[in-house]
Amino acid sequence: MNRPPAHIRFGGCELTRSRHVCAFFNSPDEAYKSSMSFISEGFACGHKAVHFVNPGSIGSHLERLQCEGVDKGSRGGASEMDE
């Protein structure tokens, strides 16, 4: 596993020691705007994640991840991140 960075961002703030978060959002766009750096930085340093996504939103979710540089091919089996 890669060494984690000193800080990971979430919602415009830097997290240092505690990197588990719980948040509530008013819209999907607000959720992605607040959490995408947390997701992409976590993957970049080798962390694993489980994403619960409505079946009708899987394609959009994968597209947003790819726009942030998250390569689905490097995140385990392709079936884990395919529709």
C-alpha atoms as a PDB file:
ATOM      1  CA  MET A   1       0.000   0.000   0.000  1.00  0.00           C
ATOM      2  CA  ASN A   2       1.200   3.505  -0.763  1.00  0.00           C
ATOM      3  CA  ARG A   3       2.050   5.823   2.115  1.00  0.00           C
ATOM      4  CA  PRO A   4      -0.945   8.073   2.887  1.00  0.00           C
ATOM      5  CA  PRO A   5      -0.464  11.808   2.425  1.00  0.00           C
ATOM      6  CA  ALA A   6      -0.254  13.963   5.538  1.00  0.00           C
ATOM      7  CA  HIS A   7      -3.644  15.486   4.711  1.00  0.00           C
ATOM      8  CA  ILE A   8      -6.686  14.479   2.683  1.00  0.00           C
ATOM      9  CA  ARG A   9      -9.297  17.091   1.771  1.00  0.00           C
ATOM     10  CA  PHE A  10     -13.051  16.882   2.317  1.00  0.00           C
ATOM     11  CA  GLY A  11     -15.494  19.716   1.692  1.00  0.00           C
ATOM     12  CA  GLY A  12     -12.731  22.309   1.465  1.00  0.00           C
ATOM     13  CA  CYS A  13     -11.103  21.258   4.761  1.00  0.00           C
ATOM     14  CA  GLU A  14      -7.984  19.193   5.351  1.00  0.00           C
ATOM     15  CA  LEU A  15      -8.382  16.051   7.435  1.00  0.00           C
ATOM     16  CA  THR A  16      -5.334  15.010   9.410  1.00  0.00           C
ATOM     17  CA  ARG A  17      -5.834  12.085  11.785  1.00  0.00           C
ATOM     18  CA  SER A  18      -9.494  11.083  11.420  1.00  0.00           C
ATOM     19  CA  ARG A  19     -10.394  10.215   7.846  1.00  0.00           C
ATOM     20  CA  HIS A  20     -13.841   8.723   8.288  1.00  0.00           C
ATOM     21  CA  VAL A  21     -16.623  11.129   7.420  1.00  0.00           C
ATOM     22  CA  CYS A  22     -20.398  11.235   7.474  1.00  0.00           C
ATOM     23  CA  ALA A  23     -22.129  14.009   5.572  1.00  0.00           C
ATOM     24  CA  PHE A  24     -25.568  14.979   4.321  1.00  0.00           C
ATOM     25  CA  PHE A  25     -26.167  16.860   1.076  1.00  0.00           C
ATOM     26  CA  ASN A  26     -29.032  18.650  -0.640  1.00  0.00           C
ATOM     27  CA  SER A  27     -28.214  17.380  -4.139  1.00  0.00           C
ATOM     28  CA  PRO A  28     -25.939  14.937  -5.975  1.00  0.00           C
ATOM     29  CA  ASP A  29     -23.924  17.872  -7.372  1.00  0.00           C
ATOM     30  CA  GLU A  30     -23.299  19.199  -3.853  1.00  0.00           C
ATOM     31  CA  ALA A  31     -22.205  15.726  -2.716  1.00  0.00           C
ATOM     32  CA  TYR A  32     -19.715  15.322  -5.557  1.00  0.00           C
ATOM     33  CA  LYS A  33     -18.363  18.860  -5.212  1.00  0.00           C
ATOM     34  CA  SER A  34     -17.713  18.266  -1.503  1.00  0.00           C
ATOM     35  CA  SER A  35     -16.393  14.717  -1.607  1.00  0.00           C
ATOM     36  CA  MET A  36     -14.571  14.143  -4.906  1.00  0.00           C
ATOM     37  CA  SER A  37     -11.156  15.248  -3.605  1.00  0.00           C
ATOM     38  CA  PHE A  38     -11.608  12.915  -0.604  1.00  0.00           C
ATOM     39  CA  ILE A  39     -12.429  10.004  -2.931  1.00  0.00           C
ATOM     40  CA  SER A  40      -9.671  10.617  -5.490  1.00  0.00           C
ATOM     41  CA  GLU A  41      -6.950  11.353  -2.898  1.00  0.00           C
ATOM     42  CA  GLY A  42      -7.924   8.241  -0.948  1.00  0.00           C
ATOM     43  CA  PHE A  43      -7.639   6.054  -4.059  1.00  0.00           C
ATOM     44  CA  ALA A  44      -4.342   7.746  -4.984  1.00  0.00           C
ATOM     45  CA  CYS A  45      -2.756   6.661  -1.706  1.00  0.00           C
ATOM     46  CA  GLY A  46      -4.078   3.096  -1.928  1.00  0.00           C
ATOM     47  CA  HIS A  47      -7.185   3.251   0.249  1.00  0.00           C
ATOM     48  CA  LYS A  48     -10.190   1.085  -0.597  1.00  0.00           C
ATOM     49  CA  ALA A  49     -13.784   2.276  -0.697  1.00  0.00           C
ATOM     50  CA  VAL A  50     -17.335   1.063  -1.090  1.00  0.00           C
ATOM     51  CA  HIS A  51     -19.709   3.344  -2.974  1.00  0.00           C
ATOM     52  CA  PHE A  52     -23.454   2.835  -2.675  1.00  0.00           C
ATOM     53  CA  VAL A  53     -24.978   4.284  -5.836  1.00  0.00           C
ATOM     54  CA  ASN A  54     -28.545   4.158  -7.140  1.00  0.00           C
ATOM     55  CA  PRO A  55     -28.665   1.757 -10.112  1.00  0.00           C
ATOM     56  CA  GLY A  56     -29.776   4.536 -12.469  1.00  0.00           C
ATOM     57  CA  SER A  57     -26.788   6.702 -11.475  1.00  0.00           C
ATOM     58  CA  ILE A  58     -23.924   4.214 -11.872  1.00  0.00           C
ATOM     59  CA  GLY A  59     -22.858   5.519 -15.301  1.00  0.00           C
ATOM     60  CA  SER A  60     -22.828   9.117 -14.081  1.00  0.00           C
ATOM     61  CA  HIS A  61     -20.889   8.117 -10.946  1.00  0.00           C
ATOM     62  CA  LEU A  62     -18.211   6.312 -12.967  1.00  0.00           C
ATOM     63  CA  GLU A  63     -17.971   9.265 -15.353  1.00  0.00           C
ATOM     64  CA  ARG A  64     -17.427  11.702 -12.462  1.00  0.00           C
ATOM     65  CA  LEU A  65     -14.717   9.437 -11.016  1.00  0.00           C
ATOM     66  CA  GLN A  66     -12.957   9.236 -14.376  1.00  0.00           C
ATOM     67  CA  CYS A  67     -13.125  13.040 -14.756  1.00  0.00           C
ATOM     68  CA  GLU A  68     -11.239  13.270 -11.444  1.00  0.00           C
ATOM     69  CA  GLY A  69      -8.543  10.923 -12.709  1.00  0.00           C
ATOM     70  CA  VAL A  70      -9.721   7.759 -10.948  1.00  0.00           C
ATOM     71  CA  ASP A  71      -8.795   4.952 -13.335  1.00  0.00           C
ATOM     72  CA  LYS A  72     -11.353   2.172 -12.952  1.00  0.00           C
ATOM     73  CA  GLY A  73      -8.865  -0.336 -14.367  1.00  0.00           C
ATOM     74  CA  SER A  74      -6.526   0.198 -11.420  1.00  0.00           C
ATOM     75  CA  ARG A  75      -9.230  -0.192  -8.761  1.00  0.00           C
ATOM     76  CA  GLY A  76      -9.573  -3.960  -8.664  1.00  0.00           C
ATOM     77  CA  GLY A  77     -11.560  -6.135 -11.032  1.00  0.00           C
ATOM     78  CA  ALA A  78     -13.282  -4.334 -13.876  1.00  0.00           C
ATOM     79  CA  SER A  79     -16.636  -5.791 -12.818  1.00  0.00           C
ATOM     80  CA  GLU A  80     -16.329  -3.983  -9.492  1.00  0.00           C
ATOM     81  CA  MET A  81     -16.639  -0.593 -11.198  1.00  0.00           C
ATOM     82  CA  ASP A  82     -18.652  -1.412 -14.306  1.00  0.00           C
ATOM     83  CA  GLU A  83     -22.380  -0.922 -14.683  1.00  0.00           C
END
